[in-house]
């Protein structure tokens, strides 16, 4: 085999490996991003993660791309989006006339603190528990739909959801904001 033939063969193998990785893990990466950013931004972030993976494959470093690597990339991209959104909100606040009452502001702060506490608890869960909770509570899928997606029975889905909820409760810490009012 010529050097060019070997290079083309390696590129084809890398492309197959990337496609296999995409099929195996896109749903997990997308679910993570969607739970934190919503469906449109979640899809964009998931695509960005696999573009980063494709770049590593193109550089011959595809062996570095694992599910752990993908989840680290998606976490970083989600945080980057949050930071950009936060900066935009801060700037908008500087020019907007804010006629919210003190109670409305307190409610917004409390809601934001609860959201952060939920996300922190979700981050502590196993990937399976997190995915189950997101599919059921965020995406609104039924136990039957989840079972069909995962190839398990409804009874197994409900048992796994119960374990996931227990794990979530162990990690969830009620925020201090708004207590004692």
C-alpha atoms as a PDB file:
ATOM      1  CA  UNK A   1       0.000   0.000   0.000  1.00  0.00           C
ATOM      2  CA  UNK A   2       1.318   3.419  -0.893  1.00  0.00           C
ATOM      3  CA  UNK A   3       1.810   6.127   1.697  1.00  0.00           C
ATOM      4  CA  UNK A   4      -1.166   8.034   0.256  1.00  0.00           C
ATOM      5  CA  UNK A   5      -3.283   4.868   0.351  1.00  0.00           C
ATOM      6  CA  UNK A   6      -2.386   4.299   3.999  1.00  0.00           C
ATOM      7  CA  UNK A   7      -3.276   7.903   4.804  1.00  0.00           C
ATOM      8  CA  UNK A   8      -6.664   7.578   3.079  1.00  0.00           C
ATOM      9  CA  UNK A   9      -7.306   4.305   4.903  1.00  0.00           C
ATOM     10  CA  UNK A  10      -6.476   5.906   8.270  1.00  0.00           C
ATOM     11  CA  UNK A  11      -8.750   8.872   7.481  1.00  0.00           C
ATOM     12  CA  UNK A  12     -11.611   6.520   6.573  1.00  0.00           C
ATOM     13  CA  UNK A  13     -11.104   4.575   9.809  1.00  0.00           C
ATOM     14  CA  UNK A  14     -11.087   7.840  11.773  1.00  0.00           C
ATOM     15  CA  UNK A  15     -14.304   8.925  10.063  1.00  0.00           C
ATOM     16  CA  UNK A  16     -15.950   5.586  10.946  1.00  0.00           C
ATOM     17  CA  UNK A  17     -14.785   5.913  14.562  1.00  0.00           C
ATOM     18  CA  UNK A  18     -16.147   9.462  14.749  1.00  0.00           C
ATOM     19  CA  UNK A  19     -19.503   8.352  13.315  1.00  0.00           C
ATOM     20  CA  UNK A  20     -19.639   5.478  15.810  1.00  0.00           C
ATOM     21  CA  UNK A  21     -18.862   7.877  18.670  1.00  0.00           C
ATOM     22  CA  UNK A  22     -21.540  10.280  17.442  1.00  0.00           C
ATOM     23  CA  UNK A  23     -24.213   7.560  17.242  1.00  0.00           C
ATOM     24  CA  UNK A  24     -23.271   6.210  20.668  1.00  0.00           C
ATOM     25  CA  UNK A  25     -23.073   9.494  22.589  1.00  0.00           C
ATOM     26  CA  UNK A  26     -24.910  12.313  20.807  1.00  0.00           C
ATOM     27  CA  UNK A  27     -28.084  11.767  22.856  1.00  0.00           C
ATOM     28  CA  UNK A  28     -26.171  12.044  26.153  1.00  0.00           C
ATOM     29  CA  UNK A  29     -24.301  15.173  25.081  1.00  0.00           C
ATOM     30  CA  UNK A  30     -27.457  16.788  23.691  1.00  0.00           C
ATOM     31  CA  UNK A  31     -29.557  15.904  26.759  1.00  0.00           C
ATOM     32  CA  UNK A  32     -26.981  17.506  29.030  1.00  0.00           C
ATOM     33  CA  UNK A  33     -26.851  20.702  26.957  1.00  0.00           C
ATOM     34  CA  UNK A  34     -30.614  20.833  26.399  1.00  0.00           C
ATOM     35  CA  UNK A  35     -31.363  20.519  30.113  1.00  0.00           C
ATOM     36  CA  UNK A  36     -29.231  23.573  30.772  1.00  0.00           C
ATOM     37  CA  UNK A  37     -29.792  25.743  27.700  1.00  0.00           C
ATOM     38  CA  UNK A  38     -33.017  24.666  26.019  1.00  0.00           C
ATOM     39  CA  UNK A  39     -33.505  22.717  22.796  1.00  0.00           C
ATOM     40  CA  UNK A  40     -32.093  25.175  20.245  1.00  0.00           C
ATOM     41  CA  UNK A  41     -28.951  26.198  22.099  1.00  0.00           C
ATOM     42  CA  UNK A  42     -28.556  22.632  23.354  1.00  0.00           C
ATOM     43  CA  UNK A  43     -28.463  21.366  19.785  1.00  0.00           C
ATOM     44  CA  UNK A  44     -25.922  24.037  18.814  1.00  0.00           C
ATOM     45  CA  UNK A  45     -23.671  23.154  21.753  1.00  0.00           C
ATOM     46  CA  UNK A  46     -23.892  19.416  21.030  1.00  0.00           C
ATOM     47  CA  UNK A  47     -22.914  20.101  17.414  1.00  0.00           C
ATOM     48  CA  UNK A  48     -19.971  22.235  18.577  1.00  0.00           C
ATOM     49  CA  UNK A  49     -18.779  19.368  20.794  1.00  0.00           C
ATOM     50  CA  UNK A  50     -18.713  16.939  17.891  1.00  0.00           C
ATOM     51  CA  UNK A  51     -17.025  19.537  15.660  1.00  0.00           C
ATOM     52  CA  UNK A  52     -14.268  19.740  18.278  1.00  0.00           C
ATOM     53  CA  UNK A  53     -14.094  15.936  18.265  1.00  0.00           C
ATOM     54  CA  UNK A  54     -13.863  15.928  14.455  1.00  0.00           C
ATOM     55  CA  UNK A  55     -10.917  18.341  14.626  1.00  0.00           C
ATOM     56  CA  UNK A  56      -9.062  15.952  16.933  1.00  0.00           C
ATOM     57  CA  UNK A  57      -9.834  13.041  14.609  1.00  0.00           C
ATOM     58  CA  UNK A  58      -8.532  15.112  11.661  1.00  0.00           C
ATOM     59  CA  UNK A  59      -5.305  15.696  13.614  1.00  0.00           C
ATOM     60  CA  UNK A  60      -4.928  11.947  14.179  1.00  0.00           C
ATOM     61  CA  UNK A  61      -5.766  12.309  17.869  1.00  0.00           C
ATOM     62  CA  UNK A  62      -9.137  10.550  17.815  1.00  0.00           C
ATOM     63  CA  UNK A  63      -8.058   8.198  20.595  1.00  0.00           C
ATOM     64  CA  UNK A  64      -8.273  11.186  22.991  1.00  0.00           C
ATOM     65  CA  UNK A  65     -12.009  11.566  22.336  1.00  0.00           C
ATOM     66  CA  UNK A  66     -13.947   9.618  24.961  1.00  0.00           C
ATOM     67  CA  UNK A  67     -17.345  10.121  26.576  1.00  0.00           C
ATOM     68  CA  UNK A  68     -15.540  11.739  29.510  1.00  0.00           C
ATOM     69  CA  UNK A  69     -13.826  14.156  27.094  1.00  0.00           C
ATOM     70  CA  UNK A  70     -17.145  14.919  25.337  1.00  0.00           C
ATOM     71  CA  UNK A  71     -18.900  15.617  28.643  1.00  0.00           C
ATOM     72  CA  UNK A  72     -16.075  17.929  29.738  1.00  0.00           C
ATOM     73  CA  UNK A  73     -16.364  19.820  26.442  1.00  0.00           C
ATOM     74  CA  UNK A  74     -20.159  20.123  26.702  1.00  0.00           C
ATOM     75  CA  UNK A  75     -19.898  21.330  30.312  1.00  0.00           C
ATOM     76  CA  UNK A  76     -17.370  23.984  29.314  1.00  0.00           C
ATOM     77  CA  UNK A  77     -19.456  25.129  26.357  1.00  0.00           C
ATOM     78  CA  UNK A  78     -22.596  25.363  28.516  1.00  0.00           C
ATOM     79  CA  UNK A  79     -20.725  27.469  31.079  1.00  0.00           C
ATOM     80  CA  UNK A  80     -19.404  29.701  28.281  1.00  0.00           C
ATOM     81  CA  UNK A  81     -22.965  30.235  27.037  1.00  0.00           C
ATOM     82  CA  UNK A  82     -24.151  31.034  30.571  1.00  0.00           C
ATOM     83  CA  UNK A  83     -21.354  33.570  30.985  1.00  0.00           C
ATOM     84  CA  UNK A  84     -22.166  35.262  27.686  1.00  0.00           C
ATOM     85  CA  UNK A  85     -25.873  35.362  28.564  1.00  0.00           C
ATOM     86  CA  UNK A  86     -25.080  36.726  32.015  1.00  0.00           C
ATOM     87  CA  UNK A  87     -22.916  39.463  30.525  1.00  0.00           C
ATOM     88  CA  UNK A  88     -25.684  40.393  28.068  1.00  0.00           C
ATOM     89  CA  UNK A  89     -28.226  40.528  30.918  1.00  0.00           C
ATOM     90  CA  UNK A  90     -25.911  42.699  33.007  1.00  0.00           C
ATOM     91  CA  UNK A  91     -25.442  45.118  30.130  1.00  0.00           C
ATOM     92  CA  UNK A  92     -29.159  45.201  29.376  1.00  0.00           C
ATOM     93  CA  UNK A  93     -29.841  45.920  33.031  1.00  0.00           C
ATOM     94  CA  UNK A  94     -27.574  48.962  32.864  1.00  0.00           C
ATOM     95  CA  UNK A  95     -29.666  50.589  30.136  1.00  0.00           C
ATOM     96  CA  UNK A  96     -33.128  49.277  31.027  1.00  0.00           C
ATOM     97  CA  UNK A  97     -35.522  51.031  33.328  1.00  0.00           C
ATOM     98  CA  UNK A  98     -36.297  48.463  35.988  1.00  0.00           C
ATOM     99  CA  UNK A  99     -39.709  48.909  37.509  1.00  0.00           C
ATOM    100  CA  UNK A 100     -39.790  45.579  39.306  1.00  0.00           C
ATOM    101  CA  UNK A 101     -40.865  45.561  42.889  1.00  0.00           C
ATOM    102  CA  UNK A 102     -38.593  44.328  45.625  1.00  0.00           C
ATOM    103  CA  UNK A 103     -40.692  41.149  45.921  1.00  0.00           C
ATOM    104  CA  UNK A 104     -40.371  40.458  42.181  1.00  0.00           C
ATOM    105  CA  UNK A 105     -36.608  40.860  42.370  1.00  0.00           C
ATOM    106  CA  UNK A 106     -36.452  38.566  45.415  1.00  0.00           C
ATOM    107  CA  UNK A 107     -38.542  35.971  43.561  1.00  0.00           C
ATOM    108  CA  UNK A 108     -36.201  36.142  40.544  1.00  0.00           C
ATOM    109  CA  UNK A 109     -33.166  35.703  42.770  1.00  0.00           C
ATOM    110  CA  UNK A 110     -34.765  32.756  44.583  1.00  0.00           C
ATOM    111  CA  UNK A 111     -35.741  31.095  41.277  1.00  0.00           C
ATOM    112  CA  UNK A 112     -32.212  31.548  39.952  1.00  0.00           C
ATOM    113  CA  UNK A 113     -30.718  30.094  43.153  1.00  0.00           C
ATOM    114  CA  UNK A 114     -33.046  27.069  42.945  1.00  0.00           C
ATOM    115  CA  UNK A 115     -32.077  26.524  39.308  1.00  0.00           C
ATOM    116  CA  UNK A 116     -28.389  26.638  40.223  1.00  0.00           C
ATOM    117  CA  UNK A 117     -28.966  24.178  43.097  1.00  0.00           C
ATOM    118  CA  UNK A 118     -30.814  21.788  40.778  1.00  0.00           C
ATOM    119  CA  UNK A 119     -28.025  21.961  38.190  1.00  0.00           C
ATOM    120  CA  UNK A 120     -25.389  21.386  40.877  1.00  0.00           C
ATOM    121  CA  UNK A 121     -27.277  18.312  42.115  1.00  0.00           C
ATOM    122  CA  UNK A 122     -27.686  16.977  38.566  1.00  0.00           C
ATOM    123  CA  UNK A 123     -23.948  17.375  37.993  1.00  0.00           C
ATOM    124  CA  UNK A 124     -23.304  15.048  40.956  1.00  0.00           C
ATOM    125  CA  UNK A 125     -25.411  12.219  39.504  1.00  0.00           C
ATOM    126  CA  UNK A 126     -24.262   9.386  37.310  1.00  0.00           C
ATOM    127  CA  UNK A 127     -24.793   9.943  33.610  1.00  0.00           C
ATOM    128  CA  UNK A 128     -27.622   7.361  33.584  1.00  0.00           C
ATOM    129  CA  UNK A 129     -29.488   8.928  36.514  1.00  0.00           C
ATOM    130  CA  UNK A 130     -29.068  12.414  35.070  1.00  0.00           C
ATOM    131  CA  UNK A 131     -30.276  11.282  31.642  1.00  0.00           C
ATOM    132  CA  UNK A 132     -33.331   9.533  33.096  1.00  0.00           C
ATOM    133  CA  UNK A 133     -34.356  12.571  35.136  1.00  0.00           C
ATOM    134  CA  UNK A 134     -33.845  14.932  32.205  1.00  0.00           C
ATOM    135  CA  UNK A 135     -35.772  12.700  29.807  1.00  0.00           C
ATOM    136  CA  UNK A 136     -38.683  12.362  32.231  1.00  0.00           C
ATOM    137  CA  UNK A 137     -38.880  15.729  33.982  1.00  0.00           C
ATOM    138  CA  UNK A 138     -37.401  18.140  31.441  1.00  0.00           C
ATOM    139  CA  UNK A 139     -38.227  16.585  28.085  1.00  0.00           C
ATOM    140  CA  UNK A 140     -41.558  15.239  29.332  1.00  0.00           C
ATOM    141  CA  UNK A 141     -41.124  11.710  28.022  1.00  0.00           C
ATOM    142  CA  UNK A 142     -43.258   8.984  29.533  1.00  0.00           C
ATOM    143  CA  UNK A 143     -41.768   5.911  31.186  1.00  0.00           C
ATOM    144  CA  UNK A 144     -42.949   3.900  28.171  1.00  0.00           C
ATOM    145  CA  UNK A 145     -41.176   6.254  25.735  1.00  0.00           C
ATOM    146  CA  UNK A 146     -37.990   6.146  27.782  1.00  0.00           C
ATOM    147  CA  UNK A 147     -38.200   2.357  27.944  1.00  0.00           C
ATOM    148  CA  UNK A 148     -38.613   2.161  24.172  1.00  0.00           C
ATOM    149  CA  UNK A 149     -35.629   4.486  23.665  1.00  0.00           C
ATOM    150  CA  UNK A 150     -33.407   2.522  26.056  1.00  0.00           C
ATOM    151  CA  UNK A 151     -34.712  -0.954  25.262  1.00  0.00           C
ATOM    152  CA  UNK A 152     -35.900  -1.669  28.811  1.00  0.00           C
ATOM    153  CA  UNK A 153     -39.286  -2.337  30.385  1.00  0.00           C
ATOM    154  CA  UNK A 154     -41.508   0.325  31.913  1.00  0.00           C
ATOM    155  CA  UNK A 155     -41.038  -1.367  35.305  1.00  0.00           C
ATOM    156  CA  UNK A 156     -37.255  -1.036  34.933  1.00  0.00           C
ATOM    157  CA  UNK A 157     -37.623   2.623  33.910  1.00  0.00           C
ATOM    158  CA  UNK A 158     -39.763   3.391  36.959  1.00  0.00           C
ATOM    159  CA  UNK A 159     -37.318   1.593  39.276  1.00  0.00           C
ATOM    160  CA  UNK A 160     -34.375   3.440  37.747  1.00  0.00           C
ATOM    161  CA  UNK A 161     -36.255   6.755  38.031  1.00  0.00           C
ATOM    162  CA  UNK A 162     -36.931   6.081  41.717  1.00  0.00           C
ATOM    163  CA  UNK A 163     -33.208   5.433  42.295  1.00  0.00           C
ATOM    164  CA  UNK A 164     -32.319   8.555  40.304  1.00  0.00           C
ATOM    165  CA  UNK A 165     -34.724  10.677  42.360  1.00  0.00           C
ATOM    166  CA  UNK A 166     -33.250   9.336  45.616  1.00  0.00           C
ATOM    167  CA  UNK A 167     -29.757  10.145  44.385  1.00  0.00           C
ATOM    168  CA  UNK A 168     -30.915  13.625  43.363  1.00  0.00           C
ATOM    169  CA  UNK A 169     -32.438  14.272  46.806  1.00  0.00           C
ATOM    170  CA  UNK A 170     -29.145  13.232  48.449  1.00  0.00           C
ATOM    171  CA  UNK A 171     -27.251  15.830  46.408  1.00  0.00           C
ATOM    172  CA  UNK A 172     -29.804  18.648  46.269  1.00  0.00           C
ATOM    173  CA  UNK A 173     -29.200  21.441  48.756  1.00  0.00           C
ATOM    174  CA  UNK A 174     -31.995  23.962  49.180  1.00  0.00           C
ATOM    175  CA  UNK A 175     -30.567  27.422  48.485  1.00  0.00           C
ATOM    176  CA  UNK A 176     -30.284  29.874  51.359  1.00  0.00           C
ATOM    177  CA  UNK A 177     -31.802  32.736  49.330  1.00  0.00           C
ATOM    178  CA  UNK A 178     -35.263  33.706  50.495  1.00  0.00           C
ATOM    179  CA  UNK A 179     -35.209  31.668  53.713  1.00  0.00           C
ATOM    180  CA  UNK A 180     -36.341  33.287  56.891  1.00  0.00           C
ATOM    181  CA  UNK A 181     -38.622  35.799  55.161  1.00  0.00           C
END
